[in-house]
Each structure stands twice: as C-alpha cells, then as structure tokens.
Amino acid sequence: MTERDEFLADVRLRLEQAQAVYKRHYDKGHWELRFAVGDWVWLRLHQRTASSLKTPTAGKLKPRYYGPYRIIAVVNEVA
C-alpha cells in the first residue's frame, strides 16, 4: 500500500506540473477584454460569412474585420 500511495502522489505531482506548463503556454497568447456601453469595436467574422455585409473581394484579399460598431448593450462577458 505504501508503494501505491507513493506512486499516486508522484502521478498527481506530474499531472499538476503538466497542467502548469499547458496553462502557461495558453496564457501567453490570451488576454481578457472587457467592453463597456459606448465603446467602438471591430467585428471579426472568423470562418463565417455575413449575408448582410457586402464583400467586394473573395479569398485572402477580403477584409478580416468589419466596422467600427458602437456597443449599445452588454449582454454578458462573451456577447
């Protein structure tokens, strides 16, 4: 039983180390953004097409961002 407990403690330690490495890697490229009512933002339509927006060109020359648009209401942190 002692060997088993030592083995499980070692596994937990290595799992925590691996999670710390992945978290550090993830956090390098991400930051928290907060918007307020009245801010101006650009809309990015990543992998989506908007039927209401005109697209003068196609492919890699099409615009990546649309706007600017004013925020009129904050629904939650994501929307």
PDB file of N, CA and C in Angstrom:
ATOM      1  N   MET A   1       0.815  -1.192   0.000  1.00  0.00           N
ATOM      2  CA  MET A   1       0.000   0.000   0.000  1.00  0.00           C
ATOM      3  C   MET A   1       0.863   1.263   0.000  1.00  0.00           C
ATOM      4  N   THR A   2       1.994   1.200   0.657  1.00  0.00           N
ATOM      5  CA  THR A   2       2.868   2.374   0.716  1.00  0.00           C
ATOM      6  C   THR A   2       3.406   2.711  -0.663  1.00  0.00           C
ATOM      7  N   GLU A   3       3.790   1.674  -1.414  1.00  0.00           N
ATOM      8  CA  GLU A   3       4.295   1.904  -2.781  1.00  0.00           C
ATOM      9  C   GLU A   3       3.202   2.506  -3.662  1.00  0.00           C
ATOM     10  N   ARG A   4       1.986   2.015  -3.490  1.00  0.00           N
ATOM     11  CA  ARG A   4       0.870   2.527  -4.275  1.00  0.00           C
ATOM     12  C   ARG A   4       0.611   4.003  -3.956  1.00  0.00           C
ATOM     13  N   ASP A   5       0.636   4.356  -2.689  1.00  0.00           N
ATOM     14  CA  ASP A   5       0.426   5.753  -2.299  1.00  0.00           C
ATOM     15  C   ASP A   5       1.526   6.657  -2.838  1.00  0.00           C
ATOM     16  N   GLU A   6       2.760   6.185  -2.800  1.00  0.00           N
ATOM     17  CA  GLU A   6       3.873   6.967  -3.350  1.00  0.00           C
ATOM     18  C   GLU A   6       3.726   7.134  -4.859  1.00  0.00           C
ATOM     19  N   PHE A   7       3.311   6.061  -5.526  1.00  0.00           N
ATOM     20  CA  PHE A   7       3.107   6.129  -6.968  1.00  0.00           C
ATOM     21  C   PHE A   7       2.009   7.134  -7.313  1.00  0.00           C
ATOM     22  N   LEU A   8       0.888   7.097  -6.606  1.00  0.00           N
ATOM     23  CA  LEU A   8      -0.212   8.028  -6.871  1.00  0.00           C
ATOM     24  C   LEU A   8       0.194   9.475  -6.565  1.00  0.00           C
ATOM     25  N   ALA A   9       0.981   9.675  -5.532  1.00  0.00           N
ATOM     26  CA  ALA A   9       1.458  11.029  -5.216  1.00  0.00           C
ATOM     27  C   ALA A   9       2.364  11.541  -6.330  1.00  0.00           C
ATOM     28  N   ASP A  10       3.204  10.656  -6.871  1.00  0.00           N
ATOM     29  CA  ASP A  10       4.083  11.044  -7.974  1.00  0.00           C
ATOM     30  C   ASP A  10       3.269  11.370  -9.232  1.00  0.00           C
ATOM     31  N   VAL A  11       2.242  10.574  -9.511  1.00  0.00           N
ATOM     32  CA  VAL A  11       1.383  10.822 -10.671  1.00  0.00           C
ATOM     33  C   VAL A  11       0.676  12.165 -10.529  1.00  0.00           C
ATOM     34  N   ARG A  12       0.148  12.455  -9.343  1.00  0.00           N
ATOM     35  CA  ARG A  12      -0.534  13.739  -9.121  1.00  0.00           C
ATOM     36  C   ARG A  12       0.423  14.910  -9.307  1.00  0.00           C
ATOM     37  N   LEU A  13       1.643  14.772  -8.803  1.00  0.00           N
ATOM     38  CA  LEU A  13       2.646  15.835  -8.940  1.00  0.00           C
ATOM     39  C   LEU A  13       2.961  16.087 -10.411  1.00  0.00           C
ATOM     40  N   ARG A  14       3.171  15.023 -11.171  1.00  0.00           N
ATOM     41  CA  ARG A  14       3.479  15.182 -12.596  1.00  0.00           C
ATOM     42  C   ARG A  14       2.300  15.757 -13.373  1.00  0.00           C
ATOM     43  N   LEU A  15       1.079  15.385 -12.995  1.00  0.00           N
ATOM     44  CA  LEU A  15      -0.100  15.936 -13.640  1.00  0.00           C
ATOM     45  C   LEU A  15      -0.220  17.436 -13.362  1.00  0.00           C
ATOM     46  N   GLU A  16       0.032  17.845 -12.134  1.00  0.00           N
ATOM     47  CA  GLU A  16      -0.008  19.276 -11.801  1.00  0.00           C
ATOM     48  C   GLU A  16       1.066  20.045 -12.562  1.00  0.00           C
ATOM     49  N   GLN A  17       2.254  19.456 -12.701  1.00  0.00           N
ATOM     50  CA  GLN A  17       3.321  20.107 -13.465  1.00  0.00           C
ATOM     51  C   GLN A  17       2.929  20.255 -14.928  1.00  0.00           C
ATOM     52  N   ALA A  18       2.356  19.206 -15.515  1.00  0.00           N
ATOM     53  CA  ALA A  18       1.942  19.270 -16.920  1.00  0.00           C
ATOM     54  C   ALA A  18       0.845  20.311 -17.109  1.00  0.00           C
ATOM     55  N   GLN A  19      -0.104  20.371 -16.177  1.00  0.00           N
ATOM     56  CA  GLN A  19      -1.169  21.372 -16.276  1.00  0.00           C
ATOM     57  C   GLN A  19      -0.599  22.781 -16.174  1.00  0.00           C
ATOM     58  N   ALA A  20       0.392  22.986 -15.337  1.00  0.00           N
ATOM     59  CA  ALA A  20       1.007  24.311 -15.200  1.00  0.00           C
ATOM     60  C   ALA A  20       1.700  24.723 -16.497  1.00  0.00           C
ATOM     61  N   VAL A  21       2.358  23.769 -17.149  1.00  0.00           N
ATOM     62  CA  VAL A  21       3.033  24.066 -18.412  1.00  0.00           C
ATOM     63  C   VAL A  21       2.010  24.442 -19.478  1.00  0.00           C
ATOM     64  N   TYR A  22       0.937  23.671 -19.592  1.00  0.00           N
ATOM     65  CA  TYR A  22      -0.095  23.964 -20.593  1.00  0.00           C
ATOM     66  C   TYR A  22      -0.781  25.294 -20.306  1.00  0.00           C
ATOM     67  N   LYS A  23      -1.022  25.601 -19.036  1.00  0.00           N
ATOM     68  CA  LYS A  23      -1.656  26.871 -18.686  1.00  0.00           C
ATOM     69  C   LYS A  23      -0.751  28.038 -19.044  1.00  0.00           C
ATOM     70  N   ARG A  24       0.531  27.912 -18.769  1.00  0.00           N
ATOM     71  CA  ARG A  24       1.487  28.966 -19.106  1.00  0.00           C
ATOM     72  C   ARG A  24       1.525  29.179 -20.619  1.00  0.00           C
ATOM     73  N   HIS A  25       1.499  28.103 -21.382  1.00  0.00           N
ATOM     74  CA  HIS A  25       1.508  28.203 -22.847  1.00  0.00           C
ATOM     75  C   HIS A  25       0.223  28.851 -23.352  1.00  0.00           C
ATOM     76  N   TYR A  26      -0.912  28.476 -22.780  1.00  0.00           N
ATOM     77  CA  TYR A  26      -2.199  29.050 -23.187  1.00  0.00           C
ATOM     78  C   TYR A  26      -2.260  30.532 -22.840  1.00  0.00           C
ATOM     79  N   ASP A  27      -1.812  30.902 -21.663  1.00  0.00           N
ATOM     80  CA  ASP A  27      -1.914  32.285 -21.195  1.00  0.00           C
ATOM     81  C   ASP A  27      -1.013  33.242 -21.964  1.00  0.00           C
ATOM     82  N   LYS A  28       0.007  32.729 -22.653  1.00  0.00           N
ATOM     83  CA  LYS A  28       0.887  33.615 -23.417  1.00  0.00           C
ATOM     84  C   LYS A  28       0.147  34.349 -24.517  1.00  0.00           C
ATOM     85  N   GLY A  29      -0.817  33.704 -25.149  1.00  0.00           N
ATOM     86  CA  GLY A  29      -1.482  34.296 -26.288  1.00  0.00           C
ATOM     87  C   GLY A  29      -2.880  34.802 -26.015  1.00  0.00           C
ATOM     88  N   HIS A  30      -3.301  34.813 -24.766  1.00  0.00           N
ATOM     89  CA  HIS A  30      -4.663  35.232 -24.467  1.00  0.00           C
ATOM     90  C   HIS A  30      -4.662  36.333 -23.417  1.00  0.00           C
ATOM     91  N   TRP A  31      -5.616  37.225 -23.570  1.00  0.00           N
ATOM     92  CA  TRP A  31      -5.777  38.283 -22.583  1.00  0.00           C
ATOM     93  C   TRP A  31      -7.267  38.560 -22.428  1.00  0.00           C
ATOM     94  N   GLU A  32      -7.598  39.129 -21.309  1.00  0.00           N
ATOM     95  CA  GLU A  32      -9.002  39.378 -21.008  1.00  0.00           C
ATOM     96  C   GLU A  32      -9.410  40.751 -21.523  1.00  0.00           C
ATOM     97  N   LEU A  33     -10.497  40.789 -22.262  1.00  0.00           N
ATOM     98  CA  LEU A  33     -11.025  42.042 -22.778  1.00  0.00           C
ATOM     99  C   LEU A  33     -12.371  42.331 -22.134  1.00  0.00           C
ATOM    100  N   ARG A  34     -12.566  43.569 -21.772  1.00  0.00           N
ATOM    101  CA  ARG A  34     -13.852  43.990 -21.223  1.00  0.00           C
ATOM    102  C   ARG A  34     -14.307  45.206 -22.016  1.00  0.00           C
ATOM    103  N   PHE A  35     -15.566  45.192 -22.411  1.00  0.00           N
ATOM    104  CA  PHE A  35     -16.125  46.292 -23.173  1.00  0.00           C
ATOM    105  C   PHE A  35     -17.248  46.937 -22.377  1.00  0.00           C
ATOM    106  N   ALA A  36     -17.425  48.223 -22.615  1.00  0.00           N
ATOM    107  CA  ALA A  36     -18.494  48.968 -21.950  1.00  0.00           C
ATOM    108  C   ALA A  36     -19.410  49.561 -23.014  1.00  0.00           C
ATOM    109  N   VAL A  37     -20.580  49.932 -22.584  1.00  0.00           N
ATOM    110  CA  VAL A  37     -21.543  50.560 -23.497  1.00  0.00           C
ATOM    111  C   VAL A  37     -20.947  51.870 -24.001  1.00  0.00           C
ATOM    112  N   GLY A  38     -20.993  52.059 -25.315  1.00  0.00           N
ATOM    113  CA  GLY A  38     -20.435  53.256 -25.926  1.00  0.00           C
ATOM    114  C   GLY A  38     -19.069  53.048 -26.544  1.00  0.00           C
ATOM    115  N   ASP A  39     -18.389  51.941 -26.263  1.00  0.00           N
ATOM    116  CA  ASP A  39     -17.093  51.657 -26.877  1.00  0.00           C
ATOM    117  C   ASP A  39     -17.277  51.338 -28.354  1.00  0.00           C
ATOM    118  N   TRP A  40     -16.236  51.601 -29.120  1.00  0.00           N
ATOM    119  CA  TRP A  40     -16.230  51.265 -30.539  1.00  0.00           C
ATOM    120  C   TRP A  40     -15.411  49.994 -30.727  1.00  0.00           C
ATOM    121  N   VAL A  41     -15.940  49.044 -31.494  1.00  0.00           N
ATOM    122  CA  VAL A  41     -15.249  47.777 -31.731  1.00  0.00           C
ATOM    123  C   VAL A  41     -15.317  47.413 -33.208  1.00  0.00           C
ATOM    124  N   TRP A  42     -14.385  46.571 -33.615  1.00  0.00           N
ATOM    125  CA  TRP A  42     -14.389  45.999 -34.954  1.00  0.00           C
ATOM    126  C   TRP A  42     -14.946  44.590 -34.847  1.00  0.00           C
ATOM    127  N   LEU A  43     -15.783  44.206 -35.802  1.00  0.00           N
ATOM    128  CA  LEU A  43     -16.395  42.890 -35.813  1.00  0.00           C
ATOM    129  C   LEU A  43     -15.571  41.971 -36.708  1.00  0.00           C
ATOM    130  N   ARG A  44     -15.159  40.845 -36.145  1.00  0.00           N
ATOM    131  CA  ARG A  44     -14.412  39.867 -36.924  1.00  0.00           C
ATOM    132  C   ARG A  44     -15.318  38.684 -37.227  1.00  0.00           C
ATOM    133  N   LEU A  45     -15.494  38.414 -38.490  1.00  0.00           N
ATOM    134  CA  LEU A  45     -16.324  37.293 -38.911  1.00  0.00           C
ATOM    135  C   LEU A  45     -15.415  36.139 -39.298  1.00  0.00           C
ATOM    136  N   HIS A  46     -14.889  35.485 -38.297  1.00  0.00           N
ATOM    137  CA  HIS A  46     -13.936  34.395 -38.499  1.00  0.00           C
ATOM    138  C   HIS A  46     -14.678  33.124 -38.914  1.00  0.00           C
ATOM    139  N   GLN A  47     -14.377  32.621 -40.080  1.00  0.00           N
ATOM    140  CA  GLN A  47     -14.965  31.395 -40.629  1.00  0.00           C
ATOM    141  C   GLN A  47     -16.476  31.503 -40.834  1.00  0.00           C
ATOM    142  N   ARG A  48     -17.005  32.725 -40.918  1.00  0.00           N
ATOM    143  CA  ARG A  48     -18.427  32.917 -41.164  1.00  0.00           C
ATOM    144  C   ARG A  48     -18.597  33.974 -42.237  1.00  0.00           C
ATOM    145  N   THR A  49     -19.677  33.872 -42.962  1.00  0.00           N
ATOM    146  CA  THR A  49     -19.999  34.920 -43.916  1.00  0.00           C
ATOM    147  C   THR A  49     -21.264  35.616 -43.446  1.00  0.00           C
ATOM    148  N   ALA A  50     -21.285  36.902 -43.576  1.00  0.00           N
ATOM    149  CA  ALA A  50     -22.470  37.667 -43.203  1.00  0.00           C
ATOM    150  C   ALA A  50     -23.214  38.032 -44.469  1.00  0.00           C
ATOM    151  N   SER A  51     -24.435  37.595 -44.567  1.00  0.00           N
ATOM    152  CA  SER A  51     -25.207  37.865 -45.778  1.00  0.00           C
ATOM    153  C   SER A  51     -25.582  39.336 -45.893  1.00  0.00           C
ATOM    154  N   SER A  52     -25.591  40.056 -44.766  1.00  0.00           N
ATOM    155  CA  SER A  52     -25.979  41.463 -44.805  1.00  0.00           C
ATOM    156  C   SER A  52     -24.813  42.384 -45.173  1.00  0.00           C
ATOM    157  N   LEU A  53     -23.590  41.882 -45.131  1.00  0.00           N
ATOM    158  CA  LEU A  53     -22.422  42.707 -45.439  1.00  0.00           C
ATOM    159  C   LEU A  53     -21.964  42.452 -46.868  1.00  0.00           C
ATOM    160  N   LYS A  54     -21.588  43.513 -47.539  1.00  0.00           N
ATOM    161  CA  LYS A  54     -21.072  43.372 -48.894  1.00  0.00           C
ATOM    162  C   LYS A  54     -19.619  42.908 -48.831  1.00  0.00           C
ATOM    163  N   THR A  55     -19.265  41.974 -49.673  1.00  0.00           N
ATOM    164  CA  THR A  55     -17.883  41.528 -49.754  1.00  0.00           C
ATOM    165  C   THR A  55     -17.370  41.852 -51.151  1.00  0.00           C
ATOM    166  N   PRO A  56     -16.569  42.905 -51.295  1.00  0.00           N
ATOM    167  CA  PRO A  56     -16.100  43.294 -52.623  1.00  0.00           C
ATOM    168  C   PRO A  56     -15.119  42.304 -53.227  1.00  0.00           C
ATOM    169  N   THR A  57     -14.372  41.605 -52.404  1.00  0.00           N
ATOM    170  CA  THR A  57     -13.406  40.636 -52.908  1.00  0.00           C
ATOM    171  C   THR A  57     -13.587  39.318 -52.170  1.00  0.00           C
ATOM    172  N   ALA A  58     -12.975  38.295 -52.685  1.00  0.00           N
ATOM    173  CA  ALA A  58     -13.083  36.979 -52.068  1.00  0.00           C
ATOM    174  C   ALA A  58     -11.689  36.442 -51.785  1.00  0.00           C
ATOM    175  N   GLY A  59     -11.636  35.395 -51.009  1.00  0.00           N
ATOM    176  CA  GLY A  59     -10.370  34.755 -50.722  1.00  0.00           C
ATOM    177  C   GLY A  59      -9.546  35.507 -49.708  1.00  0.00           C
ATOM    178  N   LYS A  60      -8.230  35.442 -49.863  1.00  0.00           N
ATOM    179  CA  LYS A  60      -7.364  36.031 -48.846  1.00  0.00           C
ATOM    180  C   LYS A  60      -7.309  37.555 -48.914  1.00  0.00           C
ATOM    181  N   LEU A  61      -7.867  38.168 -49.937  1.00  0.00           N
ATOM    182  CA  LEU A  61      -7.861  39.629 -50.040  1.00  0.00           C
ATOM    183  C   LEU A  61      -9.105  40.278 -49.452  1.00  0.00           C
ATOM    184  N   LYS A  62     -10.056  39.472 -48.999  1.00  0.00           N
ATOM    185  CA  LYS A  62     -11.264  40.062 -48.425  1.00  0.00           C
ATOM    186  C   LYS A  62     -10.938  40.657 -47.051  1.00  0.00           C
ATOM    187  N   PRO A  63     -11.720  41.641 -46.603  1.00  0.00           N
ATOM    188  CA  PRO A  63     -11.443  42.257 -45.316  1.00  0.00           C
ATOM    189  C   PRO A  63     -11.646  41.275 -44.171  1.00  0.00           C
ATOM    190  N   ARG A  64     -10.812  41.386 -43.143  1.00  0.00           N
ATOM    191  CA  ARG A  64     -10.916  40.498 -41.995  1.00  0.00           C
ATOM    192  C   ARG A  64     -11.841  41.049 -40.919  1.00  0.00           C
ATOM    193  N   TYR A  65     -11.925  42.354 -40.846  1.00  0.00           N
ATOM    194  CA  TYR A  65     -12.730  42.996 -39.819  1.00  0.00           C
ATOM    195  C   TYR A  65     -13.743  43.925 -40.471  1.00  0.00           C
ATOM    196  N   TYR A  66     -14.896  44.075 -39.838  1.00  0.00           N
ATOM    197  CA  TYR A  66     -15.944  44.957 -40.315  1.00  0.00           C
ATOM    198  C   TYR A  66     -16.275  45.949 -39.208  1.00  0.00           C
ATOM    199  N   GLY A  67     -16.553  47.150 -39.590  1.00  0.00           N
ATOM    200  CA  GLY A  67     -16.924  48.120 -38.565  1.00  0.00           C
ATOM    201  C   GLY A  67     -16.310  49.458 -38.854  1.00  0.00           C
ATOM    202  N   PRO A  68     -16.174  50.276 -37.872  1.00  0.00           N
ATOM    203  CA  PRO A  68     -16.393  50.023 -36.439  1.00  0.00           C
ATOM    204  C   PRO A  68     -17.865  50.111 -36.067  1.00  0.00           C
ATOM    205  N   TYR A  69     -18.211  49.401 -35.011  1.00  0.00           N
ATOM    206  CA  TYR A  69     -19.565  49.401 -34.485  1.00  0.00           C
ATOM    207  C   TYR A  69     -19.525  49.870 -33.034  1.00  0.00           C
ATOM    208  N   ARG A  70     -20.568  50.583 -32.639  1.00  0.00           N
ATOM    209  CA  ARG A  70     -20.670  51.056 -31.257  1.00  0.00           C
ATOM    210  C   ARG A  70     -21.451  50.026 -30.443  1.00  0.00           C
ATOM    211  N   ILE A  71     -20.981  49.741 -29.242  1.00  0.00           N
ATOM    212  CA  ILE A  71     -21.666  48.817 -28.347  1.00  0.00           C
ATOM    213  C   ILE A  71     -22.851  49.544 -27.723  1.00  0.00           C
ATOM    214  N   ILE A  72     -24.027  48.972 -27.910  1.00  0.00           N
ATOM    215  CA  ILE A  72     -25.231  49.612 -27.344  1.00  0.00           C
ATOM    216  C   ILE A  72     -25.707  48.920 -26.090  1.00  0.00           C
ATOM    217  N   ALA A  73     -25.316  47.647 -25.887  1.00  0.00           N
ATOM    218  CA  ALA A  73     -25.693  46.925 -24.677  1.00  0.00           C
ATOM    219  C   ALA A  73     -24.713  45.792 -24.459  1.00  0.00           C
ATOM    220  N   VAL A  74     -24.406  45.529 -23.191  1.00  0.00           N
ATOM    221  CA  VAL A  74     -23.546  44.407 -22.837  1.00  0.00           C
ATOM    222  C   VAL A  74     -24.446  43.327 -22.251  1.00  0.00           C
ATOM    223  N   VAL A  75     -24.548  42.196 -22.949  1.00  0.00           N
ATOM    224  CA  VAL A  75     -25.422  41.115 -22.514  1.00  0.00           C
ATOM    225  C   VAL A  75     -24.745  40.302 -21.425  1.00  0.00           C
ATOM    226  N   ASN A  76     -23.512  39.861 -21.708  1.00  0.00           N
ATOM    227  CA  ASN A  76     -22.683  39.145 -20.741  1.00  0.00           C
ATOM    228  C   ASN A  76     -21.224  39.308 -21.163  1.00  0.00           C
ATOM    229  N   GLU A  77     -20.316  38.577 -20.540  1.00  0.00           N
ATOM    230  CA  GLU A  77     -18.890  38.777 -20.848  1.00  0.00           C
ATOM    231  C   GLU A  77     -18.530  38.320 -22.242  1.00  0.00           C
ATOM    232  N   VAL A  78     -19.309  37.415 -22.833  1.00  0.00           N
ATOM    233  CA  VAL A  78     -18.985  36.872 -24.145  1.00  0.00           C
ATOM    234  C   VAL A  78     -19.698  37.624 -25.256  1.00  0.00           C
ATOM    235  N   ALA A  79     -20.951  37.971 -25.045  1.00  0.00           N
ATOM    236  CA  ALA A  79     -21.746  38.618 -26.102  1.00  0.00           C
ATOM    237  C   ALA A  79     -21.785  40.114 -25.916  1.00  0.00           C
TER     238      ALA A  79
END
